[in-house]
Amino acid sequence: MMTHLPLCSIPAPNKVLLIGGGDGGILREISRHNSVHHIDICEIDTVLIDVYKEFFPDIAIGYDDPRVTLNVQDGTAFLKSVPNGTYDAIIVDAFDPIRPEHELLDSPFFKLAAKALRPGGVMCIQAESLCGVIGFLLCSTEGPYVDFKVPVNPIDPDQISGVAKQPLKFYNSE
């Protein structure tokens, strides 16, 4: 859902940045979106990637997508080098769910991410409720209005595309 909520909310996303997600599962799901032409992933360490490739190849298959460029470095450092307006979507699967005292809130991460997004670009990051239920924080930059409740770029749940070998399991247009 971290993939499809943002990517189905904007028309024809082209460039996507994934921060974290070293297991490759989100890469696999991004690959289902045919409009995406380039996927950057920032993972701070290759150990997780190597373990998933060896022991969980059905998840790590996302790395087989030729649109993927692996950047082994910290996501904040990577964002500092990105030109303004580079990405249509940024998906962050790198942090524990955000809490009010989270160190991320004192860093330049969110400002850098906002600058890296094109007008109307979207970001999805883990968040949690006061009850401890993990959810997602979805946000959009200034520009064309993004209605996260109404998909403008739906994906056919029965279609197998990209490097995925099976249809979607947990998605429908509602």
Protein backbone atom coordinates (compact mmCIF):
# COMPACT_ATOMS: atom_id res chain seq x y z
CA MET A 1 0.00 0.00 0.00
CA MET A 2 2.96 2.34 0.54
CA THR A 3 3.47 2.09 -3.21
CA HIS A 4 0.00 2.13 -4.69
CA LEU A 5 -1.56 4.86 -2.54
CA PRO A 6 0.84 7.56 -3.80
CA LEU A 7 1.38 6.23 -7.34
CA CYS A 8 -2.34 5.81 -8.04
CA SER A 9 -3.03 9.34 -6.75
CA ILE A 10 -1.15 11.22 -9.49
CA PRO A 11 -1.41 10.95 -13.26
CA ALA A 12 1.38 8.96 -14.96
CA PRO A 13 4.20 9.05 -12.39
CA ASN A 14 7.53 8.88 -14.21
CA LYS A 15 10.37 9.14 -11.64
CA VAL A 16 10.16 7.58 -8.19
CA LEU A 17 12.57 7.67 -5.26
CA LEU A 18 12.46 4.92 -2.65
CA ILE A 19 14.34 5.61 0.57
CA GLY A 20 14.88 2.38 2.46
CA GLY A 21 12.89 -0.63 1.38
CA GLY A 22 16.04 -2.66 0.90
CA ASP A 23 14.12 -5.94 0.82
CA GLY A 24 12.99 -5.09 -2.74
CA GLY A 25 9.26 -5.58 -2.17
CA ILE A 26 8.32 -1.95 -2.76
CA LEU A 27 10.52 -1.95 -5.88
CA ARG A 28 8.54 -4.96 -7.10
CA GLU A 29 5.29 -3.06 -6.55
CA ILE A 30 6.57 0.14 -8.23
CA SER A 31 7.45 -2.00 -11.26
CA ARG A 32 3.73 -2.71 -11.76
CA HIS A 33 3.25 0.94 -12.81
CA ASN A 34 4.04 1.11 -16.52
CA SER A 35 4.30 4.92 -16.56
CA VAL A 36 7.35 4.80 -14.26
CA HIS A 37 10.55 5.08 -16.31
CA HIS A 38 13.13 5.53 -13.54
CA ILE A 39 13.34 4.28 -9.96
CA ASP A 40 16.08 5.38 -7.56
CA ILE A 41 16.49 3.50 -4.30
CA CYS A 42 18.63 4.71 -1.41
CA GLU A 43 19.62 2.01 1.01
CA ILE A 44 22.26 2.70 3.64
CA ASP A 45 23.69 -0.83 3.69
CA THR A 46 23.78 -3.69 1.19
CA VAL A 47 23.58 -6.47 3.82
CA LEU A 48 19.76 -6.37 3.89
CA ILE A 49 19.66 -6.43 0.10
CA ASP A 50 22.01 -9.41 -0.09
CA VAL A 51 20.06 -11.37 2.55
CA TYR A 52 16.75 -10.83 0.76
CA LYS A 53 18.21 -11.71 -2.63
CA GLU A 54 19.53 -14.98 -1.21
CA PHE A 55 16.71 -16.07 1.09
CA PHE A 56 13.60 -14.19 -0.18
CA PRO A 57 14.05 -13.89 -3.96
CA ASP A 58 10.30 -13.42 -4.61
CA ILE A 59 10.46 -10.19 -2.61
CA ALA A 60 13.90 -9.05 -3.77
CA ILE A 61 12.88 -9.53 -7.40
CA GLY A 62 12.33 -5.75 -7.50
CA TYR A 63 16.06 -5.35 -8.06
CA ASP A 64 15.71 -7.19 -11.39
CA ASP A 65 13.81 -4.24 -12.87
CA PRO A 66 16.12 -2.44 -15.35
CA ARG A 67 14.58 0.91 -14.33
CA VAL A 68 16.14 0.60 -10.84
CA THR A 69 19.28 2.46 -9.82
CA LEU A 70 20.69 1.50 -6.41
CA ASN A 71 22.34 4.28 -4.38
CA VAL A 72 24.10 2.96 -1.29
CA GLN A 73 23.96 5.97 0.99
CA ASP A 74 21.86 7.76 3.56
CA GLY A 75 18.60 9.11 2.14
CA THR A 76 19.06 12.61 3.56
CA ALA A 77 22.55 12.85 2.04
CA PHE A 78 21.18 11.64 -1.30
CA LEU A 79 18.39 14.24 -1.23
CA LYS A 80 20.98 17.01 -0.77
CA SER A 81 22.38 16.18 -4.23
CA VAL A 82 19.02 15.96 -6.04
CA PRO A 83 17.96 18.87 -8.28
CA ASN A 84 14.67 20.56 -7.39
CA GLY A 85 11.56 18.95 -8.89
CA THR A 86 13.24 15.66 -9.84
CA TYR A 87 10.67 13.14 -8.58
CA ASP A 88 6.96 12.56 -9.06
CA ALA A 89 6.85 10.45 -5.89
CA ILE A 90 9.03 9.68 -2.90
CA ILE A 91 8.28 6.58 -0.83
CA VAL A 92 10.03 6.30 2.52
CA ASP A 93 10.35 2.87 4.12
CA ALA A 94 13.44 3.63 6.16
CA PHE A 95 12.39 4.76 9.61
CA ASP A 96 10.46 3.45 12.52
CA PRO A 97 7.00 5.00 12.44
CA ILE A 98 7.23 8.74 13.12
CA ARG A 99 6.63 9.81 16.72
CA PRO A 100 6.56 13.40 18.05
CA GLU A 101 10.06 12.97 19.52
CA HIS A 102 11.51 11.30 16.39
CA GLU A 103 14.98 12.57 15.39
CA LEU A 104 13.77 12.97 11.82
CA LEU A 105 11.66 15.95 12.85
CA ASP A 106 14.83 17.88 13.81
CA SER A 107 16.61 17.14 10.51
CA PRO A 108 16.33 18.81 7.08
CA PHE A 109 14.84 15.60 5.62
CA PHE A 110 11.29 16.85 4.97
CA LYS A 111 12.46 20.15 3.44
CA LEU A 112 14.86 18.29 1.16
CA ALA A 113 12.15 15.82 0.14
CA ALA A 114 9.73 18.65 -0.64
CA LYS A 115 12.35 20.34 -2.85
CA ALA A 116 13.06 17.06 -4.65
CA LEU A 117 9.38 16.64 -5.60
CA ARG A 118 7.87 18.23 -8.70
CA PRO A 119 4.82 20.49 -8.24
CA GLY A 120 1.97 18.19 -7.25
CA GLY A 121 4.43 15.41 -6.37
CA VAL A 122 3.60 13.08 -3.50
CA MET A 123 5.39 11.45 -0.59
CA CYS A 124 4.36 8.44 1.47
CA ILE A 125 6.02 7.59 4.79
CA GLN A 126 5.16 5.28 7.66
CA ALA A 127 3.28 6.86 10.56
CA GLU A 128 1.44 5.48 13.52
CA SER A 129 -1.63 6.43 15.47
CA LEU A 130 -1.81 7.04 19.21
CA CYS A 131 -3.16 3.47 19.47
CA GLY A 132 0.07 2.09 18.00
CA VAL A 133 -1.47 1.09 14.68
CA ILE A 134 0.93 1.60 11.78
CA GLY A 135 -0.41 3.65 8.94
CA PHE A 136 0.84 6.04 6.28
CA LEU A 137 1.38 9.75 6.04
CA LEU A 138 0.61 10.95 2.53
CA CYS A 139 1.42 14.49 1.48
CA SER A 140 1.71 16.53 -1.68
CA THR A 141 3.68 19.58 -2.71
CA GLU A 142 2.05 22.76 -3.94
CA GLY A 143 0.81 22.36 -7.46
CA PRO A 144 -2.02 20.34 -8.96
CA TYR A 145 -4.45 19.17 -6.28
CA VAL A 146 -3.98 15.55 -5.22
CA ASP A 147 -7.00 13.71 -3.89
CA PHE A 148 -5.63 10.60 -2.21
CA LYS A 149 -9.13 9.12 -1.92
CA VAL A 150 -9.81 9.04 -5.66
CA PRO A 151 -7.26 7.20 -7.81
CA VAL A 152 -6.51 9.00 -11.08
CA ASN A 153 -3.98 6.38 -12.13
CA PRO A 154 -5.65 3.09 -11.16
CA ILE A 155 -3.86 -0.20 -11.58
CA ASP A 156 -5.57 -3.40 -12.67
CA PRO A 157 -5.28 -5.80 -9.73
CA ASP A 158 -5.47 -8.79 -12.08
CA GLN A 159 -2.71 -7.57 -14.39
CA ILE A 160 0.79 -8.94 -13.91
CA SER A 161 3.34 -6.39 -15.07
CA GLY A 162 6.86 -5.26 -14.28
CA VAL A 163 9.00 -7.84 -12.52
CA ALA A 164 6.10 -9.07 -10.36
CA LYS A 165 5.22 -12.70 -11.01
CA GLN A 166 1.82 -12.67 -9.27
CA PRO A 167 -1.20 -10.37 -9.31
CA LEU A 168 -1.77 -7.83 -6.55
CA LYS A 169 -3.10 -9.17 -3.26
CA PHE A 170 -4.02 -6.14 -1.18
CA TYR A 171 -5.25 -3.47 -3.57
CA ASN A 172 -8.51 -2.38 -5.10
CA SER A 173 -9.54 0.99 -6.50
CA GLU A 174 -11.72 1.72 -3.47
